[in-house]
Amino acid sequence: MRLVDDWRAVLRKAWSVKFNLAATAFGAAEVAVAIWQPAGVPNGVFAGGAAAVSIFANVSRIMAQKELHGTDK
């Protein structure tokens, strides 16, 4: 496995990375809800959010992004 030449720029600017971080946060929130069971928060809300954001991450992975033009050679 080999990193792209400008991997730091990809980490900072790629929407797929941002969406994956958001999906991770939603997943962690779902675990927290399952553990602490706060009133008024139905089960699966954050899991659904994580699934939706993961779809955006996959779509954004294949879309051209002006900010990253030329970073992946």
C-alpha atoms as a PDB file:
ATOM      1  CA  MET A   1       0.000   0.000   0.000  1.00  0.00           C
ATOM      2  CA  ARG A   2       1.217   3.470  -0.857  1.00  0.00           C
ATOM      3  CA  LEU A   3      -0.117   6.877   0.184  1.00  0.00           C
ATOM      4  CA  VAL A   4      -0.977   9.493  -2.412  1.00  0.00           C
ATOM      5  CA  ASP A   5       1.730  12.107  -2.878  1.00  0.00           C
ATOM      6  CA  ASP A   6      -0.173  14.923  -1.142  1.00  0.00           C
ATOM      7  CA  TRP A   7      -1.998  12.915   1.525  1.00  0.00           C
ATOM      8  CA  ARG A   8      -2.023  15.828   3.989  1.00  0.00           C
ATOM      9  CA  ALA A   9      -4.071  17.922   1.563  1.00  0.00           C
ATOM     10  CA  VAL A  10      -6.438  15.011   1.038  1.00  0.00           C
ATOM     11  CA  LEU A  11      -6.986  14.662   4.782  1.00  0.00           C
ATOM     12  CA  ARG A  12      -7.678  18.404   5.126  1.00  0.00           C
ATOM     13  CA  LYS A  13      -9.825  18.974   2.047  1.00  0.00           C
ATOM     14  CA  ALA A  14     -11.507  15.757   0.851  1.00  0.00           C
ATOM     15  CA  TRP A  15     -15.224  15.629   1.520  1.00  0.00           C
ATOM     16  CA  SER A  16     -15.111  11.836   1.812  1.00  0.00           C
ATOM     17  CA  VAL A  17     -12.807  12.183   4.830  1.00  0.00           C
ATOM     18  CA  LYS A  18     -15.091  14.795   6.410  1.00  0.00           C
ATOM     19  CA  PHE A  19     -18.183  12.644   5.868  1.00  0.00           C
ATOM     20  CA  ASN A  20     -16.423   9.577   7.295  1.00  0.00           C
ATOM     21  CA  LEU A  21     -15.490  11.535  10.418  1.00  0.00           C
ATOM     22  CA  ALA A  22     -19.116  12.634  10.775  1.00  0.00           C
ATOM     23  CA  ALA A  23     -20.299   9.027  10.361  1.00  0.00           C
ATOM     24  CA  THR A  24     -17.862   7.997  13.088  1.00  0.00           C
ATOM     25  CA  ALA A  25     -19.282  10.661  15.402  1.00  0.00           C
ATOM     26  CA  PHE A  26     -22.843   9.467  14.708  1.00  0.00           C
ATOM     27  CA  GLY A  27     -21.788   5.878  15.397  1.00  0.00           C
ATOM     28  CA  ALA A  28     -20.189   6.877  18.686  1.00  0.00           C
ATOM     29  CA  ALA A  29     -23.332   8.823  19.621  1.00  0.00           C
ATOM     30  CA  GLU A  30     -25.441   5.723  18.927  1.00  0.00           C
ATOM     31  CA  VAL A  31     -23.231   3.669  21.265  1.00  0.00           C
ATOM     32  CA  ALA A  32     -23.544   6.366  23.946  1.00  0.00           C
ATOM     33  CA  VAL A  33     -27.333   6.356  23.602  1.00  0.00           C
ATOM     34  CA  ALA A  34     -27.396   2.575  23.933  1.00  0.00           C
ATOM     35  CA  ILE A  35     -25.264   2.701  27.086  1.00  0.00           C
ATOM     36  CA  TRP A  36     -26.825   5.654  28.922  1.00  0.00           C
ATOM     37  CA  GLN A  37     -30.350   5.436  27.473  1.00  0.00           C
ATOM     38  CA  PRO A  38     -31.277   9.127  27.805  1.00  0.00           C
ATOM     39  CA  ALA A  39     -34.981   9.934  27.827  1.00  0.00           C
ATOM     40  CA  GLY A  40     -36.402  11.225  24.578  1.00  0.00           C
ATOM     41  CA  VAL A  41     -33.741   9.790  22.250  1.00  0.00           C
ATOM     42  CA  PRO A  42     -35.120   6.819  20.328  1.00  0.00           C
ATOM     43  CA  ASN A  43     -32.828   3.923  19.466  1.00  0.00           C
ATOM     44  CA  GLY A  44     -31.424   3.974  15.950  1.00  0.00           C
ATOM     45  CA  VAL A  45     -31.590   7.713  15.304  1.00  0.00           C
ATOM     46  CA  PHE A  46     -27.830   8.179  15.254  1.00  0.00           C
ATOM     47  CA  ALA A  47     -27.301   4.871  13.460  1.00  0.00           C
ATOM     48  CA  GLY A  48     -29.594   6.139  10.698  1.00  0.00           C
ATOM     49  CA  GLY A  49     -27.611   9.371  10.569  1.00  0.00           C
ATOM     50  CA  ALA A  50     -24.379   7.422  10.323  1.00  0.00           C
ATOM     51  CA  ALA A  51     -25.773   5.357   7.463  1.00  0.00           C
ATOM     52  CA  ALA A  52     -26.908   8.452   5.566  1.00  0.00           C
ATOM     53  CA  VAL A  53     -23.591  10.245   6.033  1.00  0.00           C
ATOM     54  CA  SER A  54     -21.716   7.095   4.954  1.00  0.00           C
ATOM     55  CA  ILE A  55     -23.636   7.172   1.674  1.00  0.00           C
ATOM     56  CA  PHE A  56     -22.526  10.769   1.160  1.00  0.00           C
ATOM     57  CA  ALA A  57     -18.935   9.714   1.929  1.00  0.00           C
ATOM     58  CA  ASN A  58     -19.022   7.010  -0.723  1.00  0.00           C
ATOM     59  CA  VAL A  59     -20.549   9.309  -3.334  1.00  0.00           C
ATOM     60  CA  SER A  60     -18.091  12.114  -2.586  1.00  0.00           C
ATOM     61  CA  ARG A  61     -15.193   9.673  -2.909  1.00  0.00           C
ATOM     62  CA  ILE A  62     -15.774   9.318  -6.635  1.00  0.00           C
ATOM     63  CA  MET A  63     -16.694  12.944  -7.375  1.00  0.00           C
ATOM     64  CA  ALA A  64     -14.096  15.402  -8.627  1.00  0.00           C
ATOM     65  CA  GLN A  65     -13.237  18.090  -6.096  1.00  0.00           C
ATOM     66  CA  LYS A  66     -11.681  21.352  -7.258  1.00  0.00           C
ATOM     67  CA  GLU A  67      -9.768  21.726  -3.979  1.00  0.00           C
ATOM     68  CA  LEU A  68      -7.913  18.463  -4.630  1.00  0.00           C
ATOM     69  CA  HIS A  69      -7.296  18.825  -8.350  1.00  0.00           C
ATOM     70  CA  GLY A  70      -3.810  17.584  -9.044  1.00  0.00           C
ATOM     71  CA  THR A  71      -3.101  16.100  -5.589  1.00  0.00           C
ATOM     72  CA  ASP A  72      -3.657  12.485  -6.610  1.00  0.00           C
ATOM     73  CA  LYS A  73      -1.378  11.754  -9.535  1.00  0.00           C
END
